[in-house]
N, C-alpha and C. Protein backbone atom coordinates (compact mmCIF):
# COMPACT_ATOMS: atom_id res chain seq x y z
N MET A 1 -2.54 -22.30 -5.83
CA MET A 1 -1.32 -21.58 -5.53
C MET A 1 -0.77 -22.09 -4.20
N LYS A 2 0.51 -22.41 -4.20
CA LYS A 2 1.15 -22.90 -2.98
C LYS A 2 1.59 -21.71 -2.11
N PRO A 3 1.39 -21.79 -0.79
CA PRO A 3 1.92 -20.74 0.09
C PRO A 3 3.43 -20.87 0.20
N PHE A 4 4.09 -19.75 0.38
CA PHE A 4 5.53 -19.78 0.61
C PHE A 4 5.95 -18.53 1.36
N ASP A 5 7.14 -18.56 1.92
CA ASP A 5 7.68 -17.45 2.70
C ASP A 5 8.44 -16.52 1.76
N ILE A 6 7.94 -15.32 1.58
CA ILE A 6 8.53 -14.34 0.65
C ILE A 6 9.96 -13.98 1.06
N THR A 7 10.28 -14.08 2.34
CA THR A 7 11.62 -13.72 2.79
C THR A 7 12.67 -14.73 2.32
N LEU A 8 12.23 -15.91 1.87
CA LEU A 8 13.18 -16.90 1.39
C LEU A 8 13.58 -16.67 -0.07
N LEU A 9 12.91 -15.75 -0.75
CA LEU A 9 13.26 -15.45 -2.13
C LEU A 9 14.58 -14.70 -2.22
N GLU A 10 15.26 -14.89 -3.34
CA GLU A 10 16.44 -14.09 -3.64
C GLU A 10 15.98 -12.64 -3.80
N GLU A 11 16.92 -11.72 -3.86
CA GLU A 11 16.57 -10.32 -4.03
C GLU A 11 15.79 -10.10 -5.33
N LEU A 12 16.15 -10.84 -6.39
CA LEU A 12 15.44 -10.78 -7.66
C LEU A 12 15.02 -12.18 -8.07
N THR A 13 13.80 -12.29 -8.61
CA THR A 13 13.24 -13.59 -9.01
C THR A 13 12.63 -13.45 -10.40
N THR A 14 12.94 -14.38 -11.29
CA THR A 14 12.35 -14.33 -12.62
C THR A 14 10.87 -14.69 -12.54
N LYS A 15 10.13 -14.25 -13.54
CA LYS A 15 8.71 -14.57 -13.60
C LYS A 15 8.51 -16.09 -13.73
N GLN A 16 9.40 -16.74 -14.48
CA GLN A 16 9.31 -18.19 -14.65
C GLN A 16 9.49 -18.90 -13.31
N LYS A 17 10.46 -18.47 -12.53
CA LYS A 17 10.71 -19.06 -11.21
C LYS A 17 9.52 -18.82 -10.29
N LEU A 18 8.95 -17.61 -10.34
CA LEU A 18 7.81 -17.29 -9.50
C LEU A 18 6.61 -18.17 -9.88
N ALA A 19 6.40 -18.38 -11.16
CA ALA A 19 5.31 -19.26 -11.61
C ALA A 19 5.50 -20.65 -11.01
N SER A 20 6.71 -21.13 -11.02
CA SER A 20 7.01 -22.44 -10.45
C SER A 20 6.75 -22.46 -8.94
N LEU A 21 7.17 -21.42 -8.24
CA LEU A 21 6.96 -21.34 -6.79
C LEU A 21 5.47 -21.26 -6.44
N PHE A 22 4.71 -20.50 -7.24
CA PHE A 22 3.27 -20.36 -7.02
C PHE A 22 2.50 -21.58 -7.52
N ASP A 23 3.16 -22.41 -8.32
CA ASP A 23 2.52 -23.55 -8.96
C ASP A 23 1.37 -23.09 -9.87
N ILE A 24 1.67 -22.07 -10.68
CA ILE A 24 0.72 -21.54 -11.66
C ILE A 24 1.44 -21.40 -13.00
N SER A 25 0.70 -21.10 -14.03
CA SER A 25 1.30 -20.96 -15.36
C SER A 25 2.03 -19.62 -15.48
N ILE A 26 2.99 -19.58 -16.38
CA ILE A 26 3.70 -18.32 -16.65
C ILE A 26 2.73 -17.29 -17.22
N ARG A 27 1.73 -17.74 -17.97
CA ARG A 27 0.71 -16.82 -18.51
C ARG A 27 -0.03 -16.12 -17.38
N SER A 28 -0.31 -16.84 -16.30
CA SER A 28 -0.97 -16.21 -15.14
C SER A 28 -0.07 -15.15 -14.53
N VAL A 29 1.21 -15.45 -14.40
CA VAL A 29 2.15 -14.45 -13.84
C VAL A 29 2.15 -13.19 -14.71
N TYR A 30 2.21 -13.36 -16.02
CA TYR A 30 2.19 -12.19 -16.91
C TYR A 30 0.86 -11.44 -16.81
N SER A 31 -0.22 -12.16 -16.62
CA SER A 31 -1.52 -11.52 -16.45
C SER A 31 -1.57 -10.70 -15.16
N TYR A 32 -1.07 -11.28 -14.06
CA TYR A 32 -1.04 -10.56 -12.79
C TYR A 32 -0.10 -9.36 -12.87
N ASP A 33 1.02 -9.53 -13.58
CA ASP A 33 1.97 -8.45 -13.77
C ASP A 33 1.30 -7.29 -14.52
N ALA A 34 0.50 -7.59 -15.52
CA ALA A 34 -0.20 -6.54 -16.28
C ALA A 34 -1.18 -5.78 -15.38
N ILE A 35 -1.88 -6.49 -14.51
CA ILE A 35 -2.80 -5.83 -13.57
C ILE A 35 -2.02 -4.90 -12.65
N ALA A 36 -0.90 -5.39 -12.12
CA ALA A 36 -0.09 -4.59 -11.20
C ALA A 36 0.49 -3.37 -11.91
N ARG A 37 1.02 -3.56 -13.12
CA ARG A 37 1.62 -2.44 -13.86
C ARG A 37 0.59 -1.36 -14.15
N ALA A 38 -0.64 -1.76 -14.43
CA ALA A 38 -1.69 -0.79 -14.78
C ALA A 38 -2.27 -0.06 -13.57
N ASN A 39 -2.15 -0.66 -12.38
CA ASN A 39 -2.87 -0.11 -11.23
C ASN A 39 -2.02 0.27 -10.02
N LEU A 40 -0.76 -0.13 -10.00
CA LEU A 40 0.06 0.11 -8.81
C LEU A 40 1.37 0.81 -9.19
N PRO A 41 1.41 2.13 -9.06
CA PRO A 41 2.63 2.87 -9.44
C PRO A 41 3.89 2.39 -8.70
N GLU A 42 3.76 2.02 -7.43
CA GLU A 42 4.94 1.56 -6.68
C GLU A 42 5.50 0.26 -7.28
N TYR A 43 4.63 -0.55 -7.81
CA TYR A 43 5.07 -1.79 -8.47
C TYR A 43 5.94 -1.43 -9.68
N MET A 44 5.47 -0.50 -10.47
CA MET A 44 6.23 -0.07 -11.66
C MET A 44 7.57 0.55 -11.28
N GLU A 45 7.60 1.27 -10.17
CA GLU A 45 8.84 1.95 -9.74
C GLU A 45 9.96 0.96 -9.42
N ASP A 46 9.62 -0.29 -9.14
CA ASP A 46 10.65 -1.28 -8.82
C ASP A 46 11.35 -1.84 -10.06
N TYR A 47 10.79 -1.58 -11.24
CA TYR A 47 11.47 -2.00 -12.46
C TYR A 47 12.59 -1.00 -12.78
N PRO A 48 13.75 -1.49 -13.25
CA PRO A 48 14.79 -0.55 -13.70
C PRO A 48 14.30 0.19 -14.95
N VAL A 49 14.87 1.34 -15.19
CA VAL A 49 14.45 2.18 -16.31
C VAL A 49 15.61 2.38 -17.26
N ALA A 50 15.32 2.30 -18.56
CA ALA A 50 16.30 2.60 -19.61
C ALA A 50 15.61 3.47 -20.64
N ASN A 51 16.25 4.57 -20.98
CA ASN A 51 15.68 5.52 -21.95
C ASN A 51 14.29 5.98 -21.54
N GLY A 52 14.08 6.15 -20.24
CA GLY A 52 12.81 6.64 -19.74
C GLY A 52 11.68 5.62 -19.68
N LYS A 53 11.98 4.36 -20.00
CA LYS A 53 10.94 3.33 -20.00
C LYS A 53 11.34 2.19 -19.06
N PRO A 54 10.36 1.63 -18.33
CA PRO A 54 10.67 0.51 -17.44
C PRO A 54 11.03 -0.75 -18.24
N ILE A 55 11.98 -1.50 -17.73
CA ILE A 55 12.38 -2.76 -18.36
C ILE A 55 11.59 -3.86 -17.67
N THR A 56 10.44 -4.20 -18.23
CA THR A 56 9.54 -5.14 -17.57
C THR A 56 9.96 -6.60 -17.77
N ARG A 57 10.98 -6.84 -18.57
CA ARG A 57 11.50 -8.21 -18.71
C ARG A 57 12.52 -8.52 -17.61
N TYR A 58 12.85 -7.54 -16.82
CA TYR A 58 13.81 -7.69 -15.73
C TYR A 58 13.18 -8.55 -14.62
N PRO A 59 13.99 -9.31 -13.88
CA PRO A 59 13.43 -10.10 -12.77
C PRO A 59 12.72 -9.22 -11.74
N LEU A 60 11.84 -9.83 -10.99
CA LEU A 60 11.01 -9.13 -10.02
C LEU A 60 11.69 -9.01 -8.65
N THR A 61 11.42 -7.90 -7.98
CA THR A 61 11.89 -7.73 -6.60
C THR A 61 10.97 -8.51 -5.66
N ARG A 62 11.38 -8.63 -4.42
CA ARG A 62 10.53 -9.32 -3.44
C ARG A 62 9.17 -8.62 -3.32
N TYR A 63 9.20 -7.28 -3.32
CA TYR A 63 7.95 -6.53 -3.24
C TYR A 63 7.05 -6.89 -4.42
N GLN A 64 7.59 -6.93 -5.62
CA GLN A 64 6.79 -7.26 -6.79
C GLN A 64 6.24 -8.68 -6.70
N CYS A 65 7.04 -9.62 -6.21
CA CYS A 65 6.57 -11.00 -6.02
C CYS A 65 5.41 -11.04 -5.03
N TRP A 66 5.54 -10.28 -3.96
CA TRP A 66 4.49 -10.19 -2.94
C TRP A 66 3.21 -9.65 -3.56
N ILE A 67 3.33 -8.62 -4.37
CA ILE A 67 2.18 -8.03 -5.05
C ILE A 67 1.49 -9.07 -5.93
N LEU A 68 2.28 -9.78 -6.73
CA LEU A 68 1.67 -10.76 -7.63
C LEU A 68 0.98 -11.88 -6.83
N GLY A 69 1.54 -12.24 -5.69
CA GLY A 69 0.88 -13.21 -4.82
C GLY A 69 -0.44 -12.69 -4.28
N LYS A 70 -0.46 -11.41 -3.90
CA LYS A 70 -1.69 -10.80 -3.40
C LYS A 70 -2.74 -10.73 -4.51
N ILE A 71 -2.32 -10.38 -5.71
CA ILE A 71 -3.26 -10.32 -6.83
C ILE A 71 -3.83 -11.72 -7.09
N ALA A 72 -2.96 -12.73 -7.11
CA ALA A 72 -3.42 -14.10 -7.34
C ALA A 72 -4.45 -14.50 -6.28
N TRP A 73 -4.18 -14.17 -5.04
CA TRP A 73 -5.09 -14.52 -3.95
C TRP A 73 -6.42 -13.80 -4.11
N HIS A 74 -6.37 -12.49 -4.40
CA HIS A 74 -7.60 -11.71 -4.53
C HIS A 74 -8.42 -12.11 -5.75
N LEU A 75 -7.78 -12.63 -6.78
CA LEU A 75 -8.53 -13.08 -7.95
C LEU A 75 -9.31 -14.36 -7.68
N ARG A 76 -9.07 -14.98 -6.55
CA ARG A 76 -9.91 -16.10 -6.12
C ARG A 76 -11.24 -15.58 -5.57
N LEU A 77 -11.26 -14.31 -5.18
CA LEU A 77 -12.45 -13.70 -4.58
C LEU A 77 -13.19 -12.77 -5.52
N PHE A 78 -12.43 -12.09 -6.39
CA PHE A 78 -12.99 -11.06 -7.27
C PHE A 78 -12.64 -11.34 -8.73
N SER A 79 -13.41 -10.75 -9.62
CA SER A 79 -13.05 -10.79 -11.03
C SER A 79 -11.93 -9.78 -11.27
N VAL A 80 -11.29 -9.87 -12.43
CA VAL A 80 -10.24 -8.90 -12.77
C VAL A 80 -10.83 -7.49 -12.76
N LYS A 81 -12.01 -7.33 -13.30
CA LYS A 81 -12.67 -6.02 -13.36
C LYS A 81 -12.91 -5.46 -11.95
N GLU A 82 -13.40 -6.31 -11.06
CA GLU A 82 -13.65 -5.88 -9.68
C GLU A 82 -12.35 -5.51 -8.97
N LEU A 83 -11.33 -6.35 -9.11
CA LEU A 83 -10.04 -6.07 -8.47
C LEU A 83 -9.45 -4.77 -8.98
N THR A 84 -9.50 -4.57 -10.28
CA THR A 84 -8.99 -3.34 -10.88
C THR A 84 -9.74 -2.12 -10.34
N TYR A 85 -11.05 -2.25 -10.21
CA TYR A 85 -11.86 -1.16 -9.66
C TYR A 85 -11.44 -0.86 -8.22
N PHE A 86 -11.31 -1.89 -7.39
CA PHE A 86 -10.93 -1.68 -5.98
C PHE A 86 -9.55 -1.02 -5.87
N LEU A 87 -8.62 -1.45 -6.70
CA LEU A 87 -7.27 -0.86 -6.66
C LEU A 87 -7.29 0.61 -7.05
N ALA A 88 -8.17 0.97 -7.99
CA ALA A 88 -8.24 2.34 -8.47
C ALA A 88 -9.10 3.25 -7.59
N GLU A 89 -10.16 2.70 -7.02
CA GLU A 89 -11.16 3.55 -6.37
C GLU A 89 -11.27 3.42 -4.85
N ASP A 90 -10.73 2.38 -4.26
CA ASP A 90 -10.89 2.15 -2.83
C ASP A 90 -9.53 2.29 -2.14
N TYR A 91 -9.27 3.47 -1.58
CA TYR A 91 -7.97 3.76 -0.99
C TYR A 91 -7.62 2.76 0.11
N GLU A 92 -8.55 2.44 0.98
CA GLU A 92 -8.26 1.52 2.08
C GLU A 92 -7.90 0.12 1.57
N PHE A 93 -8.46 -0.27 0.45
CA PHE A 93 -8.10 -1.56 -0.16
C PHE A 93 -6.74 -1.44 -0.83
N ALA A 94 -6.54 -0.39 -1.61
CA ALA A 94 -5.30 -0.22 -2.38
C ALA A 94 -4.08 -0.07 -1.49
N VAL A 95 -4.22 0.57 -0.33
CA VAL A 95 -3.08 0.80 0.55
C VAL A 95 -2.50 -0.53 1.05
N LYS A 96 -3.30 -1.58 1.04
CA LYS A 96 -2.82 -2.90 1.46
C LYS A 96 -1.82 -3.49 0.45
N PHE A 97 -1.67 -2.83 -0.71
CA PHE A 97 -0.73 -3.25 -1.74
C PHE A 97 0.50 -2.33 -1.79
N SER A 98 0.61 -1.44 -0.82
CA SER A 98 1.70 -0.45 -0.83
C SER A 98 3.03 -1.05 -0.39
N LYS A 99 4.09 -0.39 -0.80
CA LYS A 99 5.43 -0.83 -0.39
C LYS A 99 5.59 -0.67 1.12
N GLU A 100 4.98 0.36 1.68
CA GLU A 100 5.04 0.56 3.13
C GLU A 100 4.40 -0.62 3.87
N GLU A 101 3.27 -1.11 3.38
CA GLU A 101 2.61 -2.27 3.99
C GLU A 101 3.50 -3.52 3.88
N PHE A 102 4.11 -3.69 2.72
CA PHE A 102 5.03 -4.82 2.51
C PHE A 102 6.18 -4.76 3.50
N GLU A 103 6.77 -3.57 3.67
CA GLU A 103 7.90 -3.44 4.58
C GLU A 103 7.50 -3.67 6.02
N LYS A 104 6.31 -3.23 6.41
CA LYS A 104 5.83 -3.49 7.77
C LYS A 104 5.65 -4.99 8.01
N LEU A 105 5.02 -5.66 7.07
CA LEU A 105 4.80 -7.10 7.21
C LEU A 105 6.11 -7.86 7.17
N ASN A 106 7.01 -7.44 6.30
CA ASN A 106 8.30 -8.10 6.16
C ASN A 106 9.11 -7.94 7.46
N LYS A 107 9.08 -6.76 8.02
CA LYS A 107 9.81 -6.50 9.28
C LYS A 107 9.21 -7.33 10.41
N ALA A 108 7.89 -7.42 10.48
CA ALA A 108 7.23 -8.20 11.52
C ALA A 108 7.56 -9.68 11.37
N GLN A 109 7.61 -10.17 10.14
CA GLN A 109 7.91 -11.58 9.90
C GLN A 109 9.36 -11.89 10.28
N ILE A 110 10.27 -11.01 9.94
CA ILE A 110 11.68 -11.22 10.29
C ILE A 110 11.85 -11.18 11.81
N THR A 111 11.18 -10.25 12.46
CA THR A 111 11.25 -10.15 13.92
C THR A 111 10.71 -11.42 14.55
N LEU A 112 9.59 -11.92 14.04
CA LEU A 112 8.99 -13.14 14.56
C LEU A 112 9.95 -14.32 14.42
N SER A 113 10.58 -14.43 13.25
CA SER A 113 11.50 -15.56 13.04
C SER A 113 12.73 -15.46 13.95
N ILE A 114 13.18 -14.26 14.26
CA ILE A 114 14.30 -14.08 15.17
C ILE A 114 13.92 -14.58 16.57
N TYR A 115 12.70 -14.22 17.02
CA TYR A 115 12.24 -14.67 18.33
C TYR A 115 12.03 -16.17 18.38
N GLN A 116 11.61 -16.76 17.27
CA GLN A 116 11.38 -18.20 17.24
C GLN A 116 12.71 -18.97 17.31
N LYS A 117 13.79 -18.39 16.83
CA LYS A 117 15.09 -19.05 16.86
C LYS A 117 15.71 -19.03 18.26
N SER A 118 15.31 -18.06 19.07
CA SER A 118 15.89 -17.93 20.41
C SER A 118 15.53 -19.05 21.33
């Protein structure tokens, strides 16, 4: 998986584009998406809803892209079963996947880049 700056993404990114950016297969992106949908309610909340159901074919938000990147990274360390367990049972681990954590990191990165331009 290639590293990249999440702030450079458009507001919405297709799964195909994300696979290309990560340099992984589209099947891997769908696999990571399934893990996120099953274990991270905030991830699901970013999908638009029609008739009470999320439209999971819709492009991903920056937060969702960040989540899939984190899942990809953690799957280098853990099995799917272990990662799923940690997300469900270990609050301190799971909170690192929260939208609040994403916004804190995103704000810090933007602030850092502003200072670097000065």
